[in-house]
Amino acid sequence: VGAGGATTRSYLVYKRDGKPYPEAAIGVESIRLVTVKAIDRHTEELAFNAGSKAANTTTITVSVSADGRTMTQVLSGKTAQGRAFKNTLVFDKQ
C-alpha cells in the first residue's frame, strides 16, 4: 500500500548479474528497472532506477539463512525529506 492508500502489485524476474531488469507493476505511473547483485550465495542487493535517474536512494539487501527458514530484508536510504532510515524485516518460515 502506497502513501496515498492505493495498492500496487509488482512482479520481477531477474538474474543476480548486476544488469537492469524491468519490474512489471500494477497501479504505478512508471516502469522501474531493478538491478540485482549477488553478494554471496544467500544474499543479494537490489537497486531501483527509473530511466537514467535513481528512483530513490534506497538499497534493499535480502538474505536467506543457510537452512532456508529465515529471510531478512534490510532497507536503508533517505526519505524524500533527506532523513536517513534503516528498516529490518525478518520472516520465519512456519
Protein backbone atom coordinates (compact mmCIF):
# COMPACT_ATOMS: atom_id res chain seq x y z
CA VAL A 1 0.00 0.00 0.00
CA GLY A 2 1.43 3.34 -1.04
CA ALA A 3 1.43 6.62 0.89
CA GLY A 4 -1.88 7.63 -0.71
CA GLY A 5 -3.55 4.36 0.30
CA ALA A 6 -3.58 2.85 -3.20
CA THR A 7 -2.45 -0.74 -3.53
CA THR A 8 0.12 -1.95 -6.01
CA ARG A 9 1.46 -5.30 -7.10
CA SER A 10 4.79 -5.88 -8.75
CA TYR A 11 6.46 -8.83 -10.45
CA LEU A 12 10.12 -9.27 -11.18
CA VAL A 13 12.08 -11.96 -12.99
CA TYR A 14 15.82 -11.42 -12.88
CA LYS A 15 19.31 -12.87 -12.75
CA ARG A 16 21.73 -11.89 -9.99
CA ASP A 17 24.14 -10.44 -12.56
CA GLY A 18 24.05 -6.68 -11.86
CA LYS A 19 22.15 -5.92 -15.09
CA PRO A 20 18.87 -3.97 -15.05
CA TYR A 21 15.58 -5.86 -15.49
CA PRO A 22 12.13 -4.26 -15.84
CA GLU A 23 9.71 -4.52 -12.95
CA ALA A 24 6.13 -5.19 -14.06
CA ALA A 25 3.76 -3.40 -11.73
CA ILE A 26 0.05 -2.69 -11.45
CA GLY A 27 -1.09 0.72 -10.25
CA VAL A 28 2.13 2.66 -10.85
CA GLU A 29 2.88 5.59 -13.14
CA SER A 30 6.27 4.50 -14.47
CA ILE A 31 8.30 1.35 -15.05
CA ARG A 32 11.32 0.86 -12.83
CA LEU A 33 14.43 -1.07 -13.68
CA VAL A 34 15.78 -3.28 -10.93
CA THR A 35 19.43 -4.24 -10.68
CA VAL A 36 20.21 -7.24 -8.51
CA LYS A 37 23.75 -8.06 -7.48
CA ALA A 38 24.78 -11.27 -5.70
CA ILE A 39 26.72 -10.56 -2.51
CA ASP A 40 27.16 -14.23 -1.69
CA ARG A 41 25.22 -17.47 -2.17
CA HIS A 42 22.45 -16.43 0.23
CA THR A 43 22.48 -12.62 -0.08
CA GLU A 44 21.57 -10.14 -2.81
CA GLU A 45 21.39 -6.37 -3.08
CA LEU A 46 18.68 -4.59 -5.06
CA ALA A 47 18.73 -1.08 -6.56
CA PHE A 48 15.82 0.58 -8.37
CA ASN A 49 16.07 3.01 -11.31
CA ALA A 50 13.55 4.86 -13.46
CA GLY A 51 15.19 5.93 -16.71
CA SER A 52 18.61 7.45 -16.12
CA LYS A 53 17.84 8.73 -12.59
CA ALA A 54 17.64 6.73 -9.40
CA ALA A 55 14.01 6.15 -8.38
CA ASN A 56 15.01 6.54 -4.76
CA THR A 57 18.09 6.34 -2.61
CA THR A 58 17.01 3.09 -1.02
CA THR A 59 19.10 -0.06 -1.03
CA ILE A 60 17.49 -3.38 -0.17
CA THR A 61 19.63 -6.27 0.97
CA VAL A 62 17.89 -9.66 1.14
CA SER A 63 19.47 -12.62 2.94
CA VAL A 64 18.14 -16.16 3.30
CA SER A 65 19.57 -18.36 6.03
CA ALA A 66 21.54 -21.45 5.03
CA ASP A 67 18.66 -23.70 6.16
CA GLY A 68 16.15 -21.66 4.10
CA ARG A 69 13.90 -20.99 7.12
CA THR A 70 14.62 -17.28 7.71
CA MET A 71 14.67 -14.35 5.29
CA THR A 72 15.96 -10.93 6.38
CA GLN A 73 15.39 -7.74 4.40
CA VAL A 74 17.30 -4.59 5.31
CA LEU A 75 16.07 -1.37 3.69
CA SER A 76 18.29 1.68 4.12
CA GLY A 77 18.46 5.06 2.49
CA LYS A 78 16.97 8.54 2.76
CA THR A 79 13.40 9.78 2.82
CA ALA A 80 12.11 12.41 0.37
CA GLN A 81 12.93 14.95 3.10
CA GLY A 82 16.56 13.73 3.25
CA ARG A 83 16.36 11.92 6.60
CA ALA A 84 18.30 8.66 6.85
CA PHE A 85 16.42 5.47 7.71
CA LYS A 86 17.09 1.78 8.18
CA ASN A 87 14.32 -0.83 8.48
CA THR A 88 14.93 -4.50 9.13
CA LEU A 89 12.26 -7.14 8.40
CA VAL A 90 12.71 -10.75 9.48
CA PHE A 91 10.48 -13.54 8.12
CA ASP A 92 10.47 -17.03 9.62
CA LYS A 93 9.11 -19.99 7.66
CA GLN A 94 6.44 -21.78 9.66
